[in-house]
N, C-alpha and C. Protein backbone atom coordinates (compact mmCIF):
# COMPACT_ATOMS: atom_id res chain seq x y z
N MET A 1 3.61 86.20 7.47
CA MET A 1 3.75 86.90 8.74
C MET A 1 4.60 86.05 9.67
N ASN A 2 5.63 86.66 10.26
CA ASN A 2 6.50 85.96 11.19
C ASN A 2 5.93 86.04 12.60
N LEU A 3 5.79 84.89 13.26
CA LEU A 3 5.29 84.85 14.63
C LEU A 3 6.43 85.10 15.60
N PRO A 4 6.15 85.75 16.74
CA PRO A 4 7.20 85.90 17.76
C PRO A 4 7.73 84.53 18.17
N ARG A 5 9.00 84.48 18.50
CA ARG A 5 9.65 83.21 18.85
C ARG A 5 8.96 82.54 20.04
N SER A 6 8.57 83.31 21.05
CA SER A 6 7.93 82.74 22.24
C SER A 6 6.60 82.10 21.89
N PHE A 7 5.86 82.72 20.95
CA PHE A 7 4.58 82.16 20.54
C PHE A 7 4.78 80.85 19.79
N ALA A 8 5.79 80.80 18.94
CA ALA A 8 6.07 79.58 18.18
C ALA A 8 6.46 78.43 19.10
N VAL A 9 7.26 78.72 20.12
CA VAL A 9 7.66 77.70 21.07
C VAL A 9 6.46 77.18 21.85
N LEU A 10 5.56 78.11 22.25
CA LEU A 10 4.36 77.72 22.99
C LEU A 10 3.45 76.86 22.13
N ALA A 11 3.32 77.21 20.84
CA ALA A 11 2.48 76.43 19.94
C ALA A 11 3.03 75.02 19.76
N ALA A 12 4.35 74.89 19.61
CA ALA A 12 4.97 73.58 19.45
C ALA A 12 4.79 72.73 20.70
N LEU A 13 4.91 73.37 21.87
CA LEU A 13 4.73 72.65 23.12
C LEU A 13 3.30 72.16 23.26
N THR A 14 2.33 72.99 22.86
CA THR A 14 0.92 72.60 22.94
C THR A 14 0.63 71.41 22.06
N VAL A 15 1.18 71.42 20.84
CA VAL A 15 0.99 70.30 19.92
C VAL A 15 1.60 69.03 20.50
N SER A 16 2.80 69.14 21.11
CA SER A 16 3.46 67.99 21.69
C SER A 16 2.66 67.41 22.84
N LEU A 17 2.15 68.28 23.73
CA LEU A 17 1.35 67.81 24.86
C LEU A 17 0.06 67.16 24.40
N THR A 18 -0.55 67.70 23.34
CA THR A 18 -1.78 67.12 22.81
C THR A 18 -1.52 65.73 22.26
N ALA A 19 -0.40 65.55 21.55
CA ALA A 19 -0.05 64.25 21.00
C ALA A 19 0.18 63.23 22.11
N CYS A 20 0.84 63.66 23.20
CA CYS A 20 1.11 62.74 24.30
C CYS A 20 -0.17 62.34 25.00
N SER A 21 -1.07 63.32 25.22
CA SER A 21 -2.29 63.02 25.96
C SER A 21 -3.23 62.13 25.17
N SER A 22 -3.10 62.10 23.85
CA SER A 22 -4.01 61.29 23.04
C SER A 22 -3.49 59.88 22.78
N ALA A 23 -2.28 59.57 23.27
CA ALA A 23 -1.73 58.24 23.06
C ALA A 23 -2.58 57.22 23.81
N PRO A 24 -3.01 56.13 23.16
CA PRO A 24 -3.88 55.14 23.82
C PRO A 24 -3.11 54.34 24.86
N ILE A 25 -3.83 53.93 25.90
CA ILE A 25 -3.27 53.05 26.92
C ILE A 25 -3.95 51.70 26.80
N ARG A 26 -3.15 50.64 26.68
CA ARG A 26 -3.69 49.28 26.60
C ARG A 26 -3.61 48.64 27.98
N TYR A 27 -4.69 47.97 28.35
CA TYR A 27 -4.77 47.31 29.66
C TYR A 27 -4.80 45.80 29.48
N TYR A 28 -4.11 45.08 30.38
CA TYR A 28 -3.99 43.63 30.28
C TYR A 28 -4.42 42.97 31.59
N SER A 29 -4.87 41.73 31.47
CA SER A 29 -5.23 40.94 32.64
C SER A 29 -4.59 39.57 32.53
N LEU A 30 -4.18 39.03 33.66
CA LEU A 30 -3.64 37.67 33.71
C LEU A 30 -4.73 36.63 33.89
N VAL A 31 -5.95 37.07 34.14
CA VAL A 31 -7.07 36.15 34.33
C VAL A 31 -7.64 35.80 32.97
N GLY A 32 -7.63 34.51 32.63
CA GLY A 32 -8.12 34.06 31.35
C GLY A 32 -9.64 34.11 31.27
N ALA A 33 -10.15 33.89 30.08
CA ALA A 33 -11.59 33.95 29.86
C ALA A 33 -12.26 32.59 30.01
N GLY A 34 -11.48 31.53 30.30
CA GLY A 34 -12.05 30.19 30.41
C GLY A 34 -12.83 30.00 31.69
N PRO A 35 -13.51 28.85 31.85
CA PRO A 35 -14.28 28.58 33.06
C PRO A 35 -13.37 28.48 34.27
N PRO A 36 -13.71 29.09 35.42
CA PRO A 36 -12.83 29.10 36.58
C PRO A 36 -12.75 27.77 37.31
N GLU A 37 -13.68 26.83 37.07
CA GLU A 37 -13.66 25.58 37.79
C GLU A 37 -14.27 24.48 36.93
N SER A 38 -14.07 23.25 37.32
CA SER A 38 -14.56 22.12 36.54
C SER A 38 -16.08 22.07 36.59
N ALA A 39 -16.70 22.12 35.43
CA ALA A 39 -18.15 22.16 35.37
C ALA A 39 -18.76 20.81 35.70
N ASP A 40 -18.00 19.71 35.55
CA ASP A 40 -18.55 18.37 35.76
C ASP A 40 -18.28 17.82 37.15
N THR A 41 -17.82 18.67 38.07
CA THR A 41 -17.54 18.24 39.43
C THR A 41 -18.62 18.76 40.37
N ASP A 42 -19.15 17.87 41.21
CA ASP A 42 -20.14 18.27 42.20
C ASP A 42 -19.52 19.30 43.13
N PRO A 43 -20.17 20.48 43.32
CA PRO A 43 -19.59 21.50 44.20
C PRO A 43 -19.27 20.98 45.60
N ALA A 44 -20.03 19.99 46.08
CA ALA A 44 -19.78 19.45 47.42
C ALA A 44 -18.47 18.68 47.49
N HIS A 45 -17.94 18.26 46.35
CA HIS A 45 -16.71 17.47 46.32
C HIS A 45 -15.49 18.31 45.98
N ARG A 46 -15.68 19.59 45.84
CA ARG A 46 -14.53 20.45 45.54
C ARG A 46 -13.79 20.79 46.82
N LEU A 47 -12.47 20.80 46.75
CA LEU A 47 -11.63 21.05 47.92
C LEU A 47 -11.60 22.54 48.24
N PRO A 48 -12.06 22.95 49.42
CA PRO A 48 -11.96 24.37 49.78
C PRO A 48 -10.50 24.76 49.97
N PHE A 49 -10.14 25.93 49.50
CA PHE A 49 -8.77 26.40 49.71
C PHE A 49 -8.77 27.89 50.02
N VAL A 50 -7.76 28.29 50.76
CA VAL A 50 -7.55 29.70 51.10
C VAL A 50 -6.23 30.12 50.47
N LEU A 51 -6.29 31.07 49.58
CA LEU A 51 -5.09 31.55 48.87
C LEU A 51 -4.81 32.98 49.31
N THR A 52 -3.67 33.17 49.97
CA THR A 52 -3.30 34.51 50.42
C THR A 52 -2.83 35.34 49.23
N ARG A 53 -2.65 36.64 49.47
CA ARG A 53 -2.17 37.52 48.41
C ARG A 53 -0.79 37.06 47.95
N VAL A 54 -0.59 37.01 46.66
CA VAL A 54 0.67 36.51 46.09
C VAL A 54 1.76 37.56 46.22
N GLY A 55 2.91 37.15 46.75
CA GLY A 55 4.04 38.06 46.85
C GLY A 55 4.65 38.32 45.48
N VAL A 56 5.03 39.57 45.23
CA VAL A 56 5.55 39.98 43.92
C VAL A 56 6.90 40.68 44.11
N PRO A 57 7.90 40.40 43.26
CA PRO A 57 9.16 41.14 43.35
C PRO A 57 8.93 42.63 43.20
N ALA A 58 9.58 43.42 44.04
CA ALA A 58 9.38 44.87 44.03
C ALA A 58 9.69 45.49 42.67
N GLN A 59 10.63 44.90 41.95
CA GLN A 59 11.06 45.48 40.68
C GLN A 59 9.95 45.51 39.63
N VAL A 60 9.00 44.57 39.73
CA VAL A 60 7.93 44.50 38.71
C VAL A 60 6.57 44.85 39.28
N ASP A 61 6.51 45.19 40.56
CA ASP A 61 5.23 45.50 41.20
C ASP A 61 4.84 46.94 40.87
N GLN A 62 4.48 47.14 39.60
CA GLN A 62 4.15 48.45 39.06
C GLN A 62 2.84 48.37 38.27
N PRO A 63 2.13 49.49 38.11
CA PRO A 63 0.94 49.47 37.25
C PRO A 63 1.30 49.16 35.79
N GLN A 64 2.49 49.59 35.37
CA GLN A 64 2.92 49.39 33.99
C GLN A 64 3.56 48.01 33.81
N LEU A 65 3.53 47.51 32.58
CA LEU A 65 4.30 46.32 32.25
C LEU A 65 5.78 46.67 32.33
N VAL A 66 6.56 45.78 32.92
CA VAL A 66 8.00 45.97 33.05
C VAL A 66 8.68 44.92 32.19
N LEU A 67 9.43 45.37 31.19
CA LEU A 67 10.10 44.46 30.26
C LEU A 67 11.58 44.38 30.57
N ARG A 68 12.11 43.16 30.53
CA ARG A 68 13.55 42.99 30.68
C ARG A 68 14.18 43.03 29.29
N GLU A 69 15.09 43.98 29.10
CA GLU A 69 15.73 44.17 27.80
C GLU A 69 17.19 43.72 27.80
N GLY A 70 17.65 43.18 28.91
CA GLY A 70 19.03 42.71 28.99
C GLY A 70 19.39 42.43 30.43
N PRO A 71 20.64 42.05 30.69
CA PRO A 71 21.04 41.71 32.06
C PRO A 71 20.88 42.87 33.05
N GLN A 72 21.05 44.11 32.59
CA GLN A 72 20.96 45.26 33.48
C GLN A 72 19.78 46.19 33.19
N ARG A 73 19.17 46.09 32.02
CA ARG A 73 18.20 47.10 31.60
C ARG A 73 16.77 46.57 31.63
N VAL A 74 15.87 47.42 32.15
CA VAL A 74 14.44 47.14 32.09
C VAL A 74 13.73 48.38 31.55
N ASP A 75 12.59 48.17 30.92
CA ASP A 75 11.78 49.26 30.40
C ASP A 75 10.42 49.25 31.07
N LEU A 76 9.97 50.43 31.48
CA LEU A 76 8.66 50.62 32.09
C LEU A 76 7.74 51.20 31.02
N LEU A 77 6.68 50.49 30.67
CA LEU A 77 5.82 50.88 29.56
C LEU A 77 4.63 51.70 30.04
N GLU A 78 4.65 53.00 29.76
CA GLU A 78 3.56 53.86 30.21
C GLU A 78 2.26 53.55 29.48
N GLY A 79 2.35 53.07 28.24
CA GLY A 79 1.15 52.84 27.45
C GLY A 79 0.58 51.44 27.57
N ASP A 80 1.21 50.57 28.37
CA ASP A 80 0.75 49.18 28.53
C ASP A 80 0.74 48.86 30.02
N ARG A 81 -0.48 48.64 30.56
CA ARG A 81 -0.63 48.52 32.01
C ARG A 81 -1.50 47.34 32.41
N TRP A 82 -1.32 46.91 33.65
CA TRP A 82 -2.20 45.90 34.22
C TRP A 82 -3.52 46.55 34.62
N ILE A 83 -4.61 45.82 34.48
CA ILE A 83 -5.93 46.36 34.78
C ILE A 83 -6.12 46.51 36.28
N ALA A 84 -5.35 45.75 37.09
CA ALA A 84 -5.40 45.82 38.55
C ALA A 84 -3.97 45.67 39.07
N PRO A 85 -3.73 45.97 40.36
CA PRO A 85 -2.38 45.75 40.90
C PRO A 85 -1.89 44.34 40.60
N LEU A 86 -0.61 44.21 40.27
CA LEU A 86 -0.08 42.94 39.78
C LEU A 86 -0.30 41.81 40.79
N GLY A 87 -0.14 42.07 42.08
CA GLY A 87 -0.38 41.04 43.08
C GLY A 87 -1.81 40.52 43.05
N ASP A 88 -2.77 41.44 42.83
CA ASP A 88 -4.17 41.03 42.74
C ASP A 88 -4.43 40.22 41.47
N GLU A 89 -3.81 40.63 40.37
CA GLU A 89 -3.96 39.89 39.12
C GLU A 89 -3.40 38.47 39.25
N LEU A 90 -2.24 38.35 39.86
CA LEU A 90 -1.64 37.03 40.04
C LEU A 90 -2.49 36.14 40.93
N ARG A 91 -3.01 36.70 42.01
CA ARG A 91 -3.83 35.92 42.91
C ARG A 91 -5.12 35.46 42.22
N ALA A 92 -5.76 36.36 41.49
CA ALA A 92 -7.00 36.01 40.80
C ALA A 92 -6.78 34.92 39.76
N ALA A 93 -5.66 35.02 39.02
CA ALA A 93 -5.37 34.02 37.99
C ALA A 93 -5.10 32.65 38.62
N LEU A 94 -4.30 32.62 39.69
CA LEU A 94 -4.00 31.35 40.35
C LEU A 94 -5.24 30.76 41.02
N SER A 95 -6.09 31.60 41.58
CA SER A 95 -7.32 31.12 42.19
C SER A 95 -8.20 30.42 41.17
N ALA A 96 -8.35 31.04 40.00
CA ALA A 96 -9.18 30.44 38.95
C ALA A 96 -8.57 29.13 38.46
N ASP A 97 -7.25 29.10 38.30
CA ASP A 97 -6.59 27.87 37.82
C ASP A 97 -6.66 26.76 38.87
N LEU A 98 -6.50 27.09 40.15
CA LEU A 98 -6.59 26.09 41.20
C LEU A 98 -8.01 25.54 41.32
N ALA A 99 -9.00 26.41 41.17
CA ALA A 99 -10.39 25.97 41.23
C ALA A 99 -10.66 24.92 40.15
N ARG A 100 -10.00 25.06 39.01
CA ARG A 100 -10.16 24.11 37.91
C ARG A 100 -9.36 22.84 38.15
N ASP A 101 -8.10 22.97 38.61
CA ASP A 101 -7.19 21.83 38.66
C ASP A 101 -7.34 20.96 39.89
N LEU A 102 -7.77 21.51 41.02
CA LEU A 102 -7.84 20.67 42.22
C LEU A 102 -8.85 19.52 42.09
N PRO A 103 -10.10 19.69 41.68
CA PRO A 103 -10.85 20.95 41.59
C PRO A 103 -11.21 21.45 42.99
N GLY A 104 -11.43 22.75 43.09
CA GLY A 104 -11.68 23.31 44.41
C GLY A 104 -12.52 24.56 44.34
N ARG A 105 -12.68 25.18 45.49
CA ARG A 105 -13.37 26.46 45.55
C ARG A 105 -12.63 27.37 46.51
N ASP A 106 -12.44 28.59 46.12
CA ASP A 106 -11.70 29.56 46.91
C ASP A 106 -12.61 30.11 48.01
N VAL A 107 -12.28 29.82 49.26
CA VAL A 107 -13.10 30.28 50.39
C VAL A 107 -12.37 31.33 51.20
N THR A 108 -11.41 31.99 50.58
CA THR A 108 -10.67 33.04 51.27
C THR A 108 -11.63 34.11 51.78
N GLY A 109 -11.55 34.41 53.05
CA GLY A 109 -12.41 35.42 53.65
C GLY A 109 -13.77 34.90 54.08
N LEU A 110 -14.07 33.64 53.80
CA LEU A 110 -15.35 33.05 54.18
C LEU A 110 -15.17 32.11 55.36
N SER A 111 -16.24 31.90 56.08
CA SER A 111 -16.21 30.97 57.21
C SER A 111 -16.48 29.56 56.71
N GLU A 112 -15.52 28.67 56.90
CA GLU A 112 -15.67 27.27 56.47
C GLU A 112 -15.40 26.34 57.65
N LYS A 113 -16.08 26.58 58.76
CA LYS A 113 -15.84 25.78 59.95
C LYS A 113 -16.26 24.32 59.77
N ALA A 114 -17.24 24.08 58.90
CA ALA A 114 -17.74 22.72 58.72
C ALA A 114 -16.78 21.85 57.93
N HIS A 115 -15.91 22.46 57.16
CA HIS A 115 -15.00 21.69 56.31
C HIS A 115 -13.58 22.24 56.45
N PRO A 116 -12.57 21.37 56.49
CA PRO A 116 -11.20 21.87 56.51
C PRO A 116 -10.84 22.50 55.18
N ALA A 117 -9.95 23.46 55.23
CA ALA A 117 -9.54 24.15 54.01
C ALA A 117 -8.04 24.06 53.84
N LEU A 118 -7.62 23.89 52.61
CA LEU A 118 -6.21 23.88 52.26
C LEU A 118 -5.70 25.32 52.26
N SER A 119 -4.58 25.56 52.93
CA SER A 119 -3.96 26.88 52.94
C SER A 119 -2.85 26.92 51.88
N VAL A 120 -2.90 27.93 51.02
CA VAL A 120 -1.94 28.06 49.92
C VAL A 120 -1.26 29.43 50.02
N ARG A 121 0.05 29.41 50.11
CA ARG A 121 0.83 30.66 50.12
C ARG A 121 1.83 30.61 48.96
N VAL A 122 1.85 31.68 48.18
CA VAL A 122 2.72 31.73 47.00
C VAL A 122 3.51 33.03 47.04
N ASN A 123 4.81 32.94 46.85
CA ASN A 123 5.67 34.12 46.78
C ASN A 123 6.51 34.02 45.51
N LEU A 124 6.31 34.97 44.61
CA LEU A 124 7.08 34.97 43.37
C LEU A 124 8.44 35.62 43.60
N ARG A 125 9.48 34.90 43.23
CA ARG A 125 10.83 35.45 43.30
C ARG A 125 11.23 36.11 41.99
N ARG A 126 10.66 35.62 40.89
CA ARG A 126 10.92 36.22 39.57
C ARG A 126 9.62 36.31 38.80
N PHE A 127 9.49 37.40 38.05
CA PHE A 127 8.38 37.56 37.12
C PHE A 127 8.95 38.37 35.95
N ASP A 128 9.70 37.68 35.09
CA ASP A 128 10.44 38.34 34.02
C ASP A 128 9.65 38.29 32.72
N SER A 129 9.66 39.41 32.02
CA SER A 129 8.95 39.53 30.74
C SER A 129 9.93 39.94 29.66
N GLU A 130 10.19 39.02 28.72
CA GLU A 130 11.09 39.30 27.61
C GLU A 130 10.29 39.20 26.32
N PRO A 131 9.87 40.34 25.76
CA PRO A 131 9.00 40.32 24.58
C PRO A 131 9.62 39.57 23.41
N GLY A 132 8.82 38.71 22.78
CA GLY A 132 9.30 37.94 21.65
C GLY A 132 10.21 36.80 22.03
N ALA A 133 10.42 36.57 23.33
CA ALA A 133 11.34 35.53 23.77
C ALA A 133 10.69 34.61 24.79
N ARG A 134 10.51 35.09 26.01
CA ARG A 134 10.01 34.19 27.05
C ARG A 134 9.40 34.96 28.22
N ALA A 135 8.55 34.25 28.96
CA ALA A 135 8.02 34.73 30.23
C ALA A 135 8.52 33.77 31.29
N VAL A 136 9.18 34.29 32.32
CA VAL A 136 9.79 33.45 33.35
C VAL A 136 9.17 33.77 34.70
N ILE A 137 8.70 32.73 35.39
CA ILE A 137 8.28 32.90 36.77
C ILE A 137 9.01 31.89 37.64
N GLU A 138 9.39 32.32 38.82
CA GLU A 138 9.98 31.44 39.82
C GLU A 138 9.22 31.68 41.12
N ALA A 139 8.67 30.64 41.69
CA ALA A 139 7.81 30.80 42.86
C ALA A 139 8.21 29.84 43.96
N ALA A 140 8.16 30.32 45.20
CA ALA A 140 8.24 29.47 46.38
C ALA A 140 6.83 29.40 46.94
N TRP A 141 6.35 28.20 47.25
CA TRP A 141 4.98 28.06 47.72
C TRP A 141 4.86 27.02 48.82
N THR A 142 3.90 27.24 49.69
CA THR A 142 3.69 26.38 50.85
C THR A 142 2.23 25.98 50.93
N LEU A 143 1.99 24.70 51.20
CA LEU A 143 0.65 24.17 51.41
C LEU A 143 0.53 23.65 52.84
N SER A 144 -0.61 23.93 53.48
CA SER A 144 -0.89 23.40 54.81
C SER A 144 -2.27 22.78 54.81
N TRP A 145 -2.37 21.60 55.47
CA TRP A 145 -3.63 20.87 55.50
C TRP A 145 -3.87 20.38 56.93
N PRO A 146 -5.02 20.70 57.54
CA PRO A 146 -5.28 20.25 58.92
C PRO A 146 -5.50 18.75 58.98
N SER A 147 -4.79 18.10 59.88
CA SER A 147 -4.92 16.65 60.03
C SER A 147 -6.02 16.31 61.03
N VAL A 148 -6.23 15.02 61.25
CA VAL A 148 -7.31 14.57 62.12
C VAL A 148 -7.13 15.06 63.55
N ASP A 149 -5.88 15.10 64.04
CA ASP A 149 -5.63 15.51 65.42
C ASP A 149 -5.58 17.02 65.59
N GLY A 150 -5.91 17.75 64.53
CA GLY A 150 -5.95 19.21 64.62
C GLY A 150 -4.66 19.89 64.26
N LYS A 151 -3.59 19.13 64.11
CA LYS A 151 -2.31 19.70 63.71
C LYS A 151 -2.22 19.74 62.19
N ALA A 152 -1.56 20.75 61.70
CA ALA A 152 -1.46 20.91 60.24
C ALA A 152 -0.23 20.20 59.71
N THR A 153 -0.40 19.52 58.60
CA THR A 153 0.73 18.98 57.85
C THR A 153 1.01 19.94 56.71
N SER A 154 2.26 20.11 56.37
CA SER A 154 2.58 21.11 55.35
C SER A 154 3.70 20.62 54.45
N VAL A 155 3.81 21.27 53.32
CA VAL A 155 4.89 20.99 52.38
C VAL A 155 5.29 22.30 51.72
N GLY A 156 6.58 22.51 51.56
CA GLY A 156 7.09 23.70 50.90
C GLY A 156 7.87 23.33 49.66
N CYS A 157 7.59 24.00 48.57
CA CYS A 157 8.20 23.66 47.27
C CYS A 157 8.59 24.93 46.53
N SER A 158 9.33 24.76 45.47
CA SER A 158 9.64 25.87 44.57
C SER A 158 9.50 25.39 43.14
N THR A 159 9.08 26.29 42.28
CA THR A 159 8.85 25.95 40.88
C THR A 159 9.37 27.08 40.00
N GLN A 160 10.09 26.72 38.95
CA GLN A 160 10.50 27.71 37.94
C GLN A 160 9.96 27.28 36.59
N ILE A 161 9.37 28.22 35.89
CA ILE A 161 8.77 27.94 34.59
C ILE A 161 9.27 28.97 33.59
N ASP A 162 9.77 28.47 32.47
CA ASP A 162 10.28 29.30 31.39
C ASP A 162 9.37 29.06 30.19
N GLU A 163 8.46 29.98 29.94
CA GLU A 163 7.44 29.79 28.90
C GLU A 163 7.77 30.63 27.67
N PRO A 164 7.89 30.00 26.49
CA PRO A 164 8.20 30.76 25.28
C PRO A 164 7.04 31.68 24.89
N VAL A 165 7.41 32.80 24.29
CA VAL A 165 6.42 33.78 23.84
C VAL A 165 6.22 33.61 22.34
N ALA A 166 4.98 33.49 21.92
CA ALA A 166 4.68 33.35 20.50
C ALA A 166 4.99 34.66 19.77
N ALA A 167 5.15 34.55 18.46
CA ALA A 167 5.41 35.74 17.65
C ALA A 167 4.24 36.71 17.74
N ALA A 168 4.52 37.99 17.85
CA ALA A 168 3.47 39.00 17.95
C ALA A 168 2.67 39.06 16.65
N THR A 169 1.36 39.22 16.80
CA THR A 169 0.48 39.32 15.63
C THR A 169 -0.19 40.67 15.52
N GLY A 170 0.17 41.59 16.37
CA GLY A 170 -0.44 42.92 16.33
C GLY A 170 0.25 43.83 17.33
N PRO A 171 -0.25 45.05 17.49
CA PRO A 171 0.34 45.97 18.45
C PRO A 171 0.12 45.49 19.88
N GLY A 172 0.96 45.97 20.77
CA GLY A 172 0.80 45.59 22.16
C GLY A 172 1.56 44.33 22.52
N TYR A 173 1.24 43.80 23.70
CA TYR A 173 1.99 42.68 24.24
C TYR A 173 1.08 41.52 24.63
N ASP A 174 0.08 41.25 23.79
CA ASP A 174 -0.86 40.17 24.06
C ASP A 174 -0.14 38.82 24.18
N ALA A 175 0.80 38.54 23.28
CA ALA A 175 1.49 37.25 23.28
C ALA A 175 2.31 37.07 24.55
N LEU A 176 2.89 38.13 25.05
CA LEU A 176 3.68 38.06 26.28
C LEU A 176 2.78 37.76 27.47
N VAL A 177 1.65 38.44 27.55
CA VAL A 177 0.72 38.21 28.65
C VAL A 177 0.15 36.80 28.58
N GLN A 178 -0.14 36.31 27.37
CA GLN A 178 -0.63 34.94 27.21
C GLN A 178 0.41 33.93 27.69
N ALA A 179 1.68 34.21 27.45
CA ALA A 179 2.74 33.32 27.94
C ALA A 179 2.77 33.29 29.46
N HIS A 180 2.57 34.44 30.10
CA HIS A 180 2.49 34.48 31.56
C HIS A 180 1.27 33.71 32.06
N GLN A 181 0.16 33.79 31.34
CA GLN A 181 -1.03 33.03 31.72
C GLN A 181 -0.75 31.53 31.68
N ARG A 182 -0.06 31.08 30.63
CA ARG A 182 0.27 29.65 30.53
C ARG A 182 1.23 29.23 31.64
N ALA A 183 2.20 30.10 31.95
CA ALA A 183 3.15 29.79 33.03
C ALA A 183 2.43 29.69 34.37
N LEU A 184 1.50 30.58 34.63
CA LEU A 184 0.74 30.52 35.88
C LEU A 184 -0.13 29.27 35.92
N GLY A 185 -0.66 28.87 34.76
CA GLY A 185 -1.43 27.64 34.70
C GLY A 185 -0.59 26.43 35.07
N LYS A 186 0.65 26.40 34.62
CA LYS A 186 1.56 25.29 34.97
C LYS A 186 1.92 25.32 36.45
N LEU A 187 2.08 26.52 37.00
CA LEU A 187 2.35 26.64 38.43
C LEU A 187 1.15 26.12 39.23
N ALA A 188 -0.05 26.51 38.84
CA ALA A 188 -1.26 26.05 39.53
C ALA A 188 -1.38 24.54 39.47
N LEU A 189 -1.03 23.94 38.33
CA LEU A 189 -1.11 22.49 38.19
C LEU A 189 -0.11 21.80 39.13
N ALA A 190 1.08 22.35 39.27
CA ALA A 190 2.06 21.79 40.19
C ALA A 190 1.56 21.88 41.63
N ILE A 191 0.96 23.01 41.98
CA ILE A 191 0.41 23.18 43.34
C ILE A 191 -0.73 22.20 43.56
N ALA A 192 -1.62 22.05 42.57
CA ALA A 192 -2.76 21.15 42.70
C ALA A 192 -2.29 19.70 42.86
N THR A 193 -1.25 19.31 42.12
CA THR A 193 -0.72 17.95 42.22
C THR A 193 -0.19 17.67 43.63
N ALA A 194 0.55 18.63 44.19
CA ALA A 194 1.06 18.47 45.55
C ALA A 194 -0.08 18.48 46.56
N ALA A 195 -1.08 19.30 46.33
CA ALA A 195 -2.21 19.39 47.26
C ALA A 195 -3.00 18.09 47.30
N GLN A 196 -3.18 17.48 46.16
CA GLN A 196 -3.91 16.21 46.12
C GLN A 196 -3.16 15.13 46.88
N GLY A 197 -1.83 15.12 46.80
CA GLY A 197 -1.05 14.17 47.56
C GLY A 197 -1.09 14.47 49.06
N LEU A 198 -1.01 15.77 49.42
CA LEU A 198 -1.00 16.16 50.82
C LEU A 198 -2.31 15.81 51.51
N THR A 199 -3.42 16.08 50.86
CA THR A 199 -4.73 15.78 51.46
C THR A 199 -5.00 14.28 51.52
N ALA A 200 -4.26 13.50 50.72
CA ALA A 200 -4.42 12.04 50.76
C ALA A 200 -3.41 11.38 51.69
N GLY A 201 -2.63 12.20 52.41
CA GLY A 201 -1.65 11.66 53.35
C GLY A 201 -0.29 11.42 52.77
N ARG A 202 -0.06 11.93 51.56
CA ARG A 202 1.26 11.78 50.93
C ARG A 202 1.87 13.14 50.73
N GLY A 203 2.98 13.41 51.41
CA GLY A 203 3.64 14.69 51.25
C GLY A 203 4.60 14.67 50.07
N GLY A 204 5.22 15.80 49.81
CA GLY A 204 6.23 15.86 48.75
C GLY A 204 5.88 16.84 47.66
N CYS A 205 6.92 17.29 46.98
CA CYS A 205 6.75 18.25 45.88
C CYS A 205 6.64 17.47 44.56
N PRO A 206 5.92 18.03 43.58
CA PRO A 206 5.79 17.35 42.29
C PRO A 206 7.10 17.35 41.52
């Protein structure tokens, strides 16, 4: 039996829409599963810090992973997304890494009148994702520390990190996200190194 042409077209469209709607979406996080702070450090000796929301380049500030495929081309992946807005993911990852490396505690939004707090501002100029190749971040960051006379001393630095991406071992972009996690860890370590010098009366970038 021959079906009317309009019915056949409608059936094909229905099958296509069903296939698209059933495609799985993978979600990724930049926050690692490790301990957020040093377990062997007395909480009273941890440096309080305030970390503002991390600035993100507009080109990659999307729910989807944005891949750089060449000098002019980028791909937006509908099936691979961040679990939270990228700025929030970056801030959470850096907060956890700083809590470990300073060591410190994030008191953003809390009242810490009894103790001075380090102010940390981070603005990413680049957040490039090249699958199977590298994860690149370039950040400008500023630290401020209140001095004895009530005036803040500050230091401004920039850091670029080019982290290689391991060979993929399965579907998705786990290796790429892991490379970004390592790059953020190196950025946090550079910030922590400068912060330790600043709070000890020594300014300068690492």
